[in-house]
Amino acid sequence: MTASDDGGPYTVIEPGATWSPDFTVLDSASTMWHHPHLHGKTHEQVNSGLAGMILIRDEVEAASGLPRTYGVDEFPLILQDRSFGVGNTLRVVPLGDVMMVNGTLDPYLEVPGQLVRFRVLNGSNERAYYVGVSENP
């Protein structure tokens, strides 16, 4: 990957401009995310929505039998905690008091009555989510 495709701190994208990186993905099938790393501004920029999901597919994943029709039986779910101030402006705080999924408050998704695949991404700045089975329900 070249430095101009990396999106590092020396890649300046002027307001109104478009940046189109071009690189070969070397990872196996996975769910990942992208976000900025501007020194001292990462938290603020991710909180403002400068982040997103990347779905990496490969032949092994294609042969797995998992659902993979985006928006039909495969759904991206980006979990984020946010905090809102006066006039519903976003506040930049470590841990928000409002949960959002895909940038939506009180989300609802109707899925078909079949096997579906949720691609879940923790897009929060500092919050960790734990999913598991409790031994003492």
N, C-alpha and C. Protein backbone atom coordinates (compact mmCIF):
# COMPACT_ATOMS: atom_id res chain seq x y z
N MET A 1 0.85 -1.17 0.00
CA MET A 1 0.00 0.00 0.00
C MET A 1 0.90 1.23 0.00
N THR A 2 0.54 2.19 -0.82
CA THR A 2 1.31 3.43 -0.87
C THR A 2 0.84 4.37 0.23
N ALA A 3 1.68 5.33 0.59
CA ALA A 3 1.32 6.30 1.62
C ALA A 3 0.08 7.10 1.21
N SER A 4 -0.07 7.38 -0.09
CA SER A 4 -1.23 8.16 -0.54
C SER A 4 -2.54 7.38 -0.40
N ASP A 5 -2.46 6.04 -0.33
CA ASP A 5 -3.65 5.22 -0.16
C ASP A 5 -3.92 4.87 1.30
N ASP A 6 -2.98 5.17 2.18
CA ASP A 6 -3.09 4.80 3.58
C ASP A 6 -4.06 5.69 4.34
N GLY A 7 -4.22 6.92 3.94
CA GLY A 7 -5.09 7.83 4.68
C GLY A 7 -4.46 8.33 5.94
N GLY A 8 -3.14 8.29 6.00
CA GLY A 8 -2.41 8.74 7.18
C GLY A 8 -2.47 10.24 7.35
N PRO A 9 -1.74 10.76 8.34
CA PRO A 9 -1.83 12.18 8.68
C PRO A 9 -1.33 13.12 7.59
N TYR A 10 -0.60 12.60 6.61
CA TYR A 10 -0.08 13.47 5.56
C TYR A 10 -0.97 13.46 4.32
N THR A 11 -2.07 12.73 4.37
CA THR A 11 -3.02 12.73 3.27
C THR A 11 -4.08 13.77 3.59
N VAL A 12 -3.94 14.93 2.98
CA VAL A 12 -4.87 16.03 3.23
C VAL A 12 -6.01 15.94 2.22
N ILE A 13 -7.21 15.96 2.72
CA ILE A 13 -8.40 15.97 1.86
C ILE A 13 -9.10 17.30 2.12
N GLU A 14 -9.03 18.17 1.15
CA GLU A 14 -9.60 19.50 1.31
C GLU A 14 -11.13 19.43 1.33
N PRO A 15 -11.79 20.40 1.97
CA PRO A 15 -13.25 20.43 1.98
C PRO A 15 -13.80 20.40 0.56
N GLY A 16 -14.78 19.55 0.34
CA GLY A 16 -15.40 19.43 -0.98
C GLY A 16 -14.67 18.51 -1.94
N ALA A 17 -13.47 18.05 -1.54
CA ALA A 17 -12.67 17.17 -2.40
C ALA A 17 -13.06 15.72 -2.17
N THR A 18 -12.64 14.86 -3.08
CA THR A 18 -12.89 13.43 -2.98
C THR A 18 -11.57 12.69 -2.93
N TRP A 19 -11.50 11.69 -2.08
CA TRP A 19 -10.31 10.86 -1.97
C TRP A 19 -10.71 9.44 -2.30
N SER A 20 -10.03 8.79 -3.21
CA SER A 20 -10.37 7.44 -3.62
C SER A 20 -9.15 6.54 -3.50
N PRO A 21 -8.95 5.93 -2.32
CA PRO A 21 -7.80 5.04 -2.15
C PRO A 21 -7.96 3.77 -2.98
N ASP A 22 -6.84 3.16 -3.32
CA ASP A 22 -6.83 1.93 -4.11
C ASP A 22 -5.78 1.00 -3.53
N PHE A 23 -6.23 -0.14 -2.98
CA PHE A 23 -5.28 -1.08 -2.38
C PHE A 23 -5.87 -2.47 -2.40
N THR A 24 -5.04 -3.46 -2.23
CA THR A 24 -5.46 -4.85 -2.19
C THR A 24 -5.62 -5.28 -0.73
N VAL A 25 -6.76 -5.85 -0.41
CA VAL A 25 -7.02 -6.33 0.95
C VAL A 25 -6.35 -7.69 1.09
N LEU A 26 -5.52 -7.84 2.11
CA LEU A 26 -4.79 -9.08 2.34
C LEU A 26 -5.41 -9.95 3.43
N ASP A 27 -6.41 -9.42 4.13
CA ASP A 27 -7.04 -10.16 5.23
C ASP A 27 -8.03 -11.20 4.70
N SER A 28 -8.27 -12.20 5.51
CA SER A 28 -9.32 -13.18 5.23
C SER A 28 -10.67 -12.52 5.50
N ALA A 29 -11.74 -13.20 5.13
CA ALA A 29 -13.09 -12.67 5.33
C ALA A 29 -13.27 -12.23 6.77
N SER A 30 -13.84 -11.04 6.95
CA SER A 30 -14.03 -10.50 8.29
C SER A 30 -14.90 -9.26 8.23
N THR A 31 -15.28 -8.79 9.41
CA THR A 31 -15.99 -7.53 9.56
C THR A 31 -15.03 -6.57 10.25
N MET A 32 -14.75 -5.46 9.61
CA MET A 32 -13.81 -4.48 10.18
C MET A 32 -14.42 -3.09 10.09
N TRP A 33 -13.66 -2.13 10.57
CA TRP A 33 -14.14 -0.76 10.45
C TRP A 33 -13.00 0.17 10.10
N HIS A 34 -13.39 1.35 9.63
CA HIS A 34 -12.41 2.39 9.32
C HIS A 34 -12.77 3.64 10.10
N HIS A 35 -11.77 4.37 10.49
CA HIS A 35 -11.96 5.61 11.24
C HIS A 35 -10.68 6.43 11.17
N PRO A 36 -10.78 7.74 11.43
CA PRO A 36 -9.61 8.62 11.32
C PRO A 36 -8.69 8.49 12.53
N HIS A 37 -7.47 8.95 12.33
CA HIS A 37 -6.49 8.99 13.41
C HIS A 37 -5.79 10.34 13.47
N LEU A 38 -6.54 11.40 13.22
CA LEU A 38 -5.96 12.74 13.32
C LEU A 38 -5.60 12.99 14.78
N HIS A 39 -4.34 13.30 15.04
CA HIS A 39 -3.84 13.45 16.41
C HIS A 39 -4.74 14.38 17.23
N GLY A 40 -5.24 13.85 18.32
CA GLY A 40 -6.05 14.63 19.23
C GLY A 40 -7.49 14.83 18.78
N LYS A 41 -7.86 14.32 17.63
CA LYS A 41 -9.21 14.54 17.09
C LYS A 41 -9.97 13.25 16.81
N THR A 42 -9.34 12.08 17.01
CA THR A 42 -9.99 10.82 16.67
C THR A 42 -11.33 10.67 17.38
N HIS A 43 -11.35 10.89 18.69
CA HIS A 43 -12.57 10.74 19.48
C HIS A 43 -13.68 11.63 18.93
N GLU A 44 -13.38 12.89 18.70
CA GLU A 44 -14.37 13.84 18.20
C GLU A 44 -14.88 13.44 16.81
N GLN A 45 -13.96 13.04 15.94
CA GLN A 45 -14.36 12.71 14.58
C GLN A 45 -15.18 11.41 14.51
N VAL A 46 -14.80 10.38 15.27
CA VAL A 46 -15.59 9.14 15.31
C VAL A 46 -16.96 9.44 15.91
N ASN A 47 -17.00 10.24 16.96
CA ASN A 47 -18.26 10.62 17.59
C ASN A 47 -19.18 11.35 16.61
N SER A 48 -18.59 12.09 15.67
CA SER A 48 -19.36 12.84 14.69
C SER A 48 -19.75 12.02 13.47
N GLY A 49 -19.35 10.76 13.43
CA GLY A 49 -19.79 9.89 12.35
C GLY A 49 -18.74 9.55 11.31
N LEU A 50 -17.50 9.95 11.50
CA LEU A 50 -16.45 9.66 10.53
C LEU A 50 -15.87 8.27 10.79
N ALA A 51 -16.69 7.28 10.56
CA ALA A 51 -16.30 5.88 10.73
C ALA A 51 -17.31 5.03 9.97
N GLY A 52 -16.92 3.82 9.64
CA GLY A 52 -17.84 2.95 8.94
C GLY A 52 -17.37 1.51 8.93
N MET A 53 -18.23 0.64 8.47
CA MET A 53 -17.97 -0.79 8.43
C MET A 53 -17.38 -1.19 7.09
N ILE A 54 -16.48 -2.16 7.13
CA ILE A 54 -15.92 -2.75 5.92
C ILE A 54 -16.19 -4.25 5.99
N LEU A 55 -16.83 -4.79 4.97
CA LEU A 55 -17.08 -6.23 4.89
C LEU A 55 -16.08 -6.81 3.91
N ILE A 56 -15.25 -7.72 4.42
CA ILE A 56 -14.25 -8.37 3.57
C ILE A 56 -14.75 -9.77 3.29
N ARG A 57 -14.83 -10.11 2.02
CA ARG A 57 -15.33 -11.41 1.60
C ARG A 57 -14.21 -12.19 0.91
N ASP A 58 -14.30 -13.51 0.96
CA ASP A 58 -13.35 -14.34 0.22
C ASP A 58 -14.02 -15.65 -0.15
N GLU A 59 -13.29 -16.53 -0.81
CA GLU A 59 -13.85 -17.79 -1.29
C GLU A 59 -14.27 -18.71 -0.14
N VAL A 60 -13.51 -18.71 0.94
CA VAL A 60 -13.84 -19.56 2.09
C VAL A 60 -15.18 -19.13 2.68
N GLU A 61 -15.35 -17.84 2.86
CA GLU A 61 -16.60 -17.30 3.41
C GLU A 61 -17.75 -17.58 2.44
N ALA A 62 -17.52 -17.47 1.15
CA ALA A 62 -18.57 -17.73 0.16
C ALA A 62 -19.04 -19.18 0.21
N ALA A 63 -18.14 -20.10 0.52
CA ALA A 63 -18.48 -21.52 0.58
C ALA A 63 -19.03 -21.95 1.93
N SER A 64 -19.10 -21.05 2.90
CA SER A 64 -19.50 -21.41 4.26
C SER A 64 -20.99 -21.70 4.42
N GLY A 65 -21.78 -21.22 3.50
CA GLY A 65 -23.22 -21.40 3.63
C GLY A 65 -23.89 -20.33 4.48
N LEU A 66 -23.12 -19.36 4.97
CA LEU A 66 -23.71 -18.26 5.75
C LEU A 66 -24.48 -17.33 4.82
N PRO A 67 -25.54 -16.71 5.33
CA PRO A 67 -26.26 -15.73 4.52
C PRO A 67 -25.31 -14.60 4.11
N ARG A 68 -25.45 -14.12 2.88
CA ARG A 68 -24.53 -13.06 2.43
C ARG A 68 -25.16 -12.13 1.41
N THR A 69 -26.49 -12.02 1.43
CA THR A 69 -27.15 -11.05 0.57
C THR A 69 -27.41 -9.80 1.40
N TYR A 70 -26.59 -8.79 1.19
CA TYR A 70 -26.60 -7.57 1.98
C TYR A 70 -28.00 -6.93 1.98
N GLY A 71 -28.53 -6.69 3.18
CA GLY A 71 -29.82 -6.04 3.31
C GLY A 71 -31.01 -6.97 3.15
N VAL A 72 -30.77 -8.24 2.82
CA VAL A 72 -31.85 -9.21 2.67
C VAL A 72 -31.76 -10.25 3.78
N ASP A 73 -30.61 -10.91 3.90
CA ASP A 73 -30.41 -11.87 4.98
C ASP A 73 -29.08 -11.65 5.70
N GLU A 74 -28.41 -10.57 5.35
CA GLU A 74 -27.16 -10.16 6.04
C GLU A 74 -27.30 -8.67 6.34
N PHE A 75 -27.13 -8.33 7.64
CA PHE A 75 -27.39 -6.96 8.06
C PHE A 75 -26.23 -6.40 8.89
N PRO A 76 -25.72 -5.22 8.52
CA PRO A 76 -24.70 -4.57 9.33
C PRO A 76 -25.36 -3.86 10.51
N LEU A 77 -24.80 -4.02 11.69
CA LEU A 77 -25.30 -3.35 12.89
C LEU A 77 -24.13 -2.65 13.57
N ILE A 78 -24.10 -1.34 13.49
CA ILE A 78 -23.03 -0.57 14.12
C ILE A 78 -23.58 0.01 15.42
N LEU A 79 -23.05 -0.47 16.55
CA LEU A 79 -23.49 -0.03 17.87
C LEU A 79 -22.66 1.17 18.31
N GLN A 80 -23.34 2.21 18.77
CA GLN A 80 -22.65 3.40 19.24
C GLN A 80 -23.40 4.03 20.40
N ASP A 81 -22.66 4.50 21.38
CA ASP A 81 -23.27 5.28 22.45
C ASP A 81 -22.96 6.75 22.17
N ARG A 82 -23.96 7.58 22.39
CA ARG A 82 -23.82 9.00 22.14
C ARG A 82 -24.46 9.78 23.27
N SER A 83 -24.14 11.05 23.32
CA SER A 83 -24.74 11.96 24.29
C SER A 83 -25.14 13.21 23.54
N PHE A 84 -26.33 13.73 23.85
CA PHE A 84 -26.84 14.90 23.16
C PHE A 84 -26.99 16.05 24.13
N GLY A 85 -26.69 17.26 23.64
CA GLY A 85 -26.81 18.46 24.44
C GLY A 85 -28.00 19.30 24.00
N VAL A 86 -27.93 20.59 24.28
CA VAL A 86 -28.98 21.53 23.93
C VAL A 86 -29.21 21.50 22.42
N GLY A 87 -30.47 21.46 22.03
CA GLY A 87 -30.82 21.45 20.61
C GLY A 87 -30.43 20.16 19.91
N ASN A 88 -30.29 19.09 20.69
CA ASN A 88 -29.89 17.78 20.15
C ASN A 88 -28.55 17.78 19.44
N THR A 89 -27.64 18.65 19.88
CA THR A 89 -26.30 18.64 19.33
C THR A 89 -25.50 17.51 19.98
N LEU A 90 -24.61 16.91 19.20
CA LEU A 90 -23.77 15.83 19.74
C LEU A 90 -22.78 16.41 20.74
N ARG A 91 -22.67 15.76 21.89
CA ARG A 91 -21.65 16.12 22.87
C ARG A 91 -20.54 15.09 22.77
N VAL A 92 -19.31 15.52 22.85
CA VAL A 92 -18.17 14.61 22.82
C VAL A 92 -17.81 14.26 24.25
N VAL A 93 -18.21 13.07 24.67
CA VAL A 93 -17.96 12.58 26.02
C VAL A 93 -17.44 11.15 25.90
N PRO A 94 -16.71 10.66 26.91
CA PRO A 94 -16.18 9.30 26.82
C PRO A 94 -17.27 8.23 26.69
N LEU A 95 -18.31 8.32 27.52
CA LEU A 95 -19.38 7.32 27.50
C LEU A 95 -20.72 8.03 27.34
N GLY A 96 -21.40 7.74 26.25
CA GLY A 96 -22.69 8.36 26.01
C GLY A 96 -23.79 7.71 26.82
N ASP A 97 -24.92 8.40 26.93
CA ASP A 97 -26.05 7.87 27.68
C ASP A 97 -27.21 7.45 26.78
N VAL A 98 -26.98 7.49 25.46
CA VAL A 98 -27.99 7.10 24.49
C VAL A 98 -27.38 6.06 23.55
N MET A 99 -28.09 4.97 23.32
CA MET A 99 -27.60 3.94 22.40
C MET A 99 -28.20 4.15 21.02
N MET A 100 -27.37 3.97 20.01
CA MET A 100 -27.81 4.07 18.62
C MET A 100 -27.33 2.84 17.86
N VAL A 101 -28.09 2.45 16.86
CA VAL A 101 -27.69 1.39 15.95
C VAL A 101 -27.78 1.97 14.55
N ASN A 102 -26.67 1.93 13.82
CA ASN A 102 -26.59 2.49 12.48
C ASN A 102 -27.03 3.95 12.46
N GLY A 103 -26.67 4.69 13.51
CA GLY A 103 -26.99 6.11 13.59
C GLY A 103 -28.45 6.40 13.84
N THR A 104 -29.21 5.40 14.31
CA THR A 104 -30.65 5.56 14.50
C THR A 104 -31.02 5.39 15.97
N LEU A 105 -31.84 6.28 16.47
CA LEU A 105 -32.38 6.15 17.82
C LEU A 105 -33.57 5.19 17.76
N ASP A 106 -33.72 4.36 18.76
CA ASP A 106 -34.82 3.39 18.81
C ASP A 106 -34.98 2.63 17.50
N PRO A 107 -33.93 1.95 17.04
CA PRO A 107 -34.00 1.26 15.75
C PRO A 107 -34.92 0.04 15.78
N TYR A 108 -35.42 -0.29 14.62
CA TYR A 108 -36.27 -1.47 14.46
C TYR A 108 -35.92 -2.08 13.11
N LEU A 109 -35.76 -3.39 13.08
CA LEU A 109 -35.43 -4.08 11.84
C LEU A 109 -36.30 -5.32 11.72
N GLU A 110 -37.03 -5.41 10.63
CA GLU A 110 -37.82 -6.61 10.36
C GLU A 110 -36.99 -7.50 9.45
N VAL A 111 -36.78 -8.74 9.89
CA VAL A 111 -35.96 -9.68 9.12
C VAL A 111 -36.81 -10.87 8.70
N PRO A 112 -36.41 -11.56 7.65
CA PRO A 112 -37.18 -12.72 7.20
C PRO A 112 -37.09 -13.86 8.22
N GLY A 113 -38.10 -14.73 8.19
CA GLY A 113 -38.15 -15.87 9.10
C GLY A 113 -37.27 -17.00 8.60
N GLN A 114 -35.97 -16.76 8.60
CA GLN A 114 -34.99 -17.73 8.12
C GLN A 114 -33.66 -17.41 8.79
N LEU A 115 -32.63 -18.15 8.45
CA LEU A 115 -31.31 -17.85 8.98
C LEU A 115 -30.85 -16.50 8.45
N VAL A 116 -30.47 -15.60 9.36
CA VAL A 116 -29.94 -14.30 8.98
C VAL A 116 -28.58 -14.10 9.64
N ARG A 117 -27.83 -13.19 9.11
CA ARG A 117 -26.48 -12.91 9.61
C ARG A 117 -26.41 -11.44 10.00
N PHE A 118 -26.04 -11.20 11.26
CA PHE A 118 -25.83 -9.84 11.73
C PHE A 118 -24.33 -9.59 11.79
N ARG A 119 -23.86 -8.56 11.13
CA ARG A 119 -22.47 -8.13 11.21
C ARG A 119 -22.44 -7.03 12.25
N VAL A 120 -21.99 -7.34 13.46
CA VAL A 120 -22.05 -6.40 14.58
C VAL A 120 -20.69 -5.74 14.78
N LEU A 121 -20.71 -4.42 14.86
CA LEU A 121 -19.49 -3.64 15.02
C LEU A 121 -19.64 -2.69 16.20
N ASN A 122 -18.67 -2.70 17.10
CA ASN A 122 -18.63 -1.73 18.19
C ASN A 122 -18.01 -0.45 17.64
N GLY A 123 -18.85 0.53 17.32
CA GLY A 123 -18.39 1.81 16.80
C GLY A 123 -18.34 2.88 17.88
N SER A 124 -18.44 2.48 19.14
CA SER A 124 -18.37 3.45 20.24
C SER A 124 -16.92 3.84 20.48
N ASN A 125 -16.73 5.00 21.06
CA ASN A 125 -15.38 5.49 21.32
C ASN A 125 -14.69 4.72 22.43
N GLU A 126 -15.39 4.48 23.53
CA GLU A 126 -14.73 3.86 24.68
C GLU A 126 -15.51 2.71 25.30
N ARG A 127 -16.75 2.54 24.94
CA ARG A 127 -17.59 1.53 25.58
C ARG A 127 -17.28 0.14 25.03
N ALA A 128 -17.26 -0.84 25.94
CA ALA A 128 -17.11 -2.24 25.55
C ALA A 128 -18.46 -2.92 25.75
N TYR A 129 -18.79 -3.80 24.83
CA TYR A 129 -20.04 -4.55 24.92
C TYR A 129 -19.69 -6.01 25.16
N TYR A 130 -20.41 -6.64 26.07
CA TYR A 130 -20.15 -8.03 26.39
C TYR A 130 -21.39 -8.87 26.10
N VAL A 131 -21.22 -9.90 25.35
CA VAL A 131 -22.32 -10.81 25.03
C VAL A 131 -21.91 -12.17 25.55
N GLY A 132 -22.77 -12.79 26.29
CA GLY A 132 -22.43 -14.10 26.82
C GLY A 132 -23.61 -14.70 27.54
N VAL A 133 -23.39 -15.87 28.04
CA VAL A 133 -24.44 -16.56 28.77
C VAL A 133 -24.09 -16.50 30.25
N SER A 134 -25.02 -16.05 31.02
CA SER A 134 -24.81 -15.93 32.45
C SER A 134 -25.01 -17.31 33.09
N GLU A 135 -24.15 -17.64 34.04
CA GLU A 135 -24.30 -18.91 34.77
C GLU A 135 -25.42 -18.81 35.79
N ASN A 136 -25.75 -17.57 36.18
CA ASN A 136 -26.81 -17.34 37.16
C ASN A 136 -27.87 -16.44 36.55
N PRO A 137 -28.75 -17.00 35.72
CA PRO A 137 -29.75 -16.14 35.04
C PRO A 137 -30.69 -15.47 36.01
